[in-house]
Amino acid sequence: MKWTDSLEIAIALAERYPDVDPKTVNFVDLMRWVMALPGFEEDERHCGEKKLEAIQQAWIEEVD
């Protein structure tokens, strides 16, 4: 997975953190959680606010 795989990341986050409301997750935690996912292959230098927003939005849609 890479930062641009927002839907795949969102599904993995929803499975790994089923009791977390993605609307309440700050970007620092979100970045760390994404980087800790099995199969995630990029580092934080390739991450940005827009990518985190896309991941968070996809996660919100996934749980709704």
C-alpha atoms as a PDB file:
ATOM      1  CA  MET A   1       0.000   0.000   0.000  1.00  0.00           C
ATOM      2  CA  LYS A   2       1.014   3.570  -0.660  1.00  0.00           C
ATOM      3  CA  TRP A   3      -0.333   6.918   0.551  1.00  0.00           C
ATOM      4  CA  THR A   4      -2.488   7.211  -2.569  1.00  0.00           C
ATOM      5  CA  ASP A   5      -4.337   3.932  -1.835  1.00  0.00           C
ATOM      6  CA  SER A   6      -6.864   5.771   0.321  1.00  0.00           C
ATOM      7  CA  LEU A   7      -9.726   3.280  -0.035  1.00  0.00           C
ATOM      8  CA  GLU A   8      -7.534   0.267   0.692  1.00  0.00           C
ATOM      9  CA  ILE A   9      -6.033   2.076   3.687  1.00  0.00           C
ATOM     10  CA  ALA A  10      -9.494   3.107   4.916  1.00  0.00           C
ATOM     11  CA  ILE A  11     -10.717  -0.493   4.819  1.00  0.00           C
ATOM     12  CA  ALA A  12      -7.634  -1.663   6.721  1.00  0.00           C
ATOM     13  CA  LEU A  13      -8.069   1.076   9.344  1.00  0.00           C
ATOM     14  CA  ALA A  14     -11.767   0.277   9.779  1.00  0.00           C
ATOM     15  CA  GLU A  15     -10.894  -3.376  10.374  1.00  0.00           C
ATOM     16  CA  ARG A  16      -7.995  -2.608  12.709  1.00  0.00           C
ATOM     17  CA  TYR A  17      -9.774   0.127  14.725  1.00  0.00           C
ATOM     18  CA  PRO A  18     -13.472  -0.840  14.678  1.00  0.00           C
ATOM     19  CA  ASP A  19     -14.340   1.213  17.784  1.00  0.00           C
ATOM     20  CA  VAL A  20     -12.689   4.440  16.599  1.00  0.00           C
ATOM     21  CA  ASP A  21     -14.703   7.269  15.067  1.00  0.00           C
ATOM     22  CA  PRO A  22     -12.502   8.417  12.162  1.00  0.00           C
ATOM     23  CA  LYS A  23     -13.864  11.963  12.520  1.00  0.00           C
ATOM     24  CA  THR A  24     -12.042  12.251  15.864  1.00  0.00           C
ATOM     25  CA  VAL A  25      -8.597  11.074  14.718  1.00  0.00           C
ATOM     26  CA  ASN A  26      -5.959  13.776  14.362  1.00  0.00           C
ATOM     27  CA  PHE A  27      -3.558  13.676  11.423  1.00  0.00           C
ATOM     28  CA  VAL A  28      -0.508  12.824  13.562  1.00  0.00           C
ATOM     29  CA  ASP A  29      -2.190   9.669  14.871  1.00  0.00           C
ATOM     30  CA  LEU A  30      -3.654   8.873  11.463  1.00  0.00           C
ATOM     31  CA  MET A  31      -0.233   9.051   9.842  1.00  0.00           C
ATOM     32  CA  ARG A  32       1.281   6.748  12.483  1.00  0.00           C
ATOM     33  CA  TRP A  33      -1.589   4.263  12.223  1.00  0.00           C
ATOM     34  CA  VAL A  34      -1.330   4.136   8.440  1.00  0.00           C
ATOM     35  CA  MET A  35       2.427   3.621   8.569  1.00  0.00           C
ATOM     36  CA  ALA A  36       1.928   0.746  11.038  1.00  0.00           C
ATOM     37  CA  LEU A  37      -0.481  -1.134   8.754  1.00  0.00           C
ATOM     38  CA  PRO A  38       0.810  -4.466   7.447  1.00  0.00           C
ATOM     39  CA  GLY A  39       1.816  -4.076   3.821  1.00  0.00           C
ATOM     40  CA  PHE A  40       2.253  -0.306   3.970  1.00  0.00           C
ATOM     41  CA  GLU A  41       5.401   0.530   2.011  1.00  0.00           C
ATOM     42  CA  GLU A  42       5.992   4.299   2.058  1.00  0.00           C
ATOM     43  CA  ASP A  43       7.460   6.640   4.610  1.00  0.00           C
ATOM     44  CA  GLU A  44       6.195   9.881   6.062  1.00  0.00           C
ATOM     45  CA  ARG A  45       8.167  12.043   3.591  1.00  0.00           C
ATOM     46  CA  HIS A  46       5.600  11.148   0.920  1.00  0.00           C
ATOM     47  CA  CYS A  47       2.670  12.012   3.159  1.00  0.00           C
ATOM     48  CA  GLY A  48       0.817  15.311   3.134  1.00  0.00           C
ATOM     49  CA  GLU A  49      -2.322  16.891   4.482  1.00  0.00           C
ATOM     50  CA  LYS A  50      -4.296  16.236   1.287  1.00  0.00           C
ATOM     51  CA  LYS A  51      -3.431  12.532   1.340  1.00  0.00           C
ATOM     52  CA  LEU A  52      -4.407  12.257   5.004  1.00  0.00           C
ATOM     53  CA  GLU A  53      -7.675  14.081   4.302  1.00  0.00           C
ATOM     54  CA  ALA A  54      -8.447  11.632   1.488  1.00  0.00           C
ATOM     55  CA  ILE A  55      -7.706   8.661   3.756  1.00  0.00           C
ATOM     56  CA  GLN A  56      -9.807  10.082   6.584  1.00  0.00           C
ATOM     57  CA  GLN A  57     -12.714  10.821   4.240  1.00  0.00           C
ATOM     58  CA  ALA A  58     -12.574   7.322   2.763  1.00  0.00           C
ATOM     59  CA  TRP A  59     -12.515   5.866   6.297  1.00  0.00           C
ATOM     60  CA  ILE A  60     -15.549   7.961   7.285  1.00  0.00           C
ATOM     61  CA  GLU A  61     -17.421   6.721   4.210  1.00  0.00           C
ATOM     62  CA  GLU A  62     -16.343   3.146   4.916  1.00  0.00           C
ATOM     63  CA  VAL A  63     -17.843   3.116   8.415  1.00  0.00           C
ATOM     64  CA  ASP A  64     -21.060   4.925   7.441  1.00  0.00           C
END
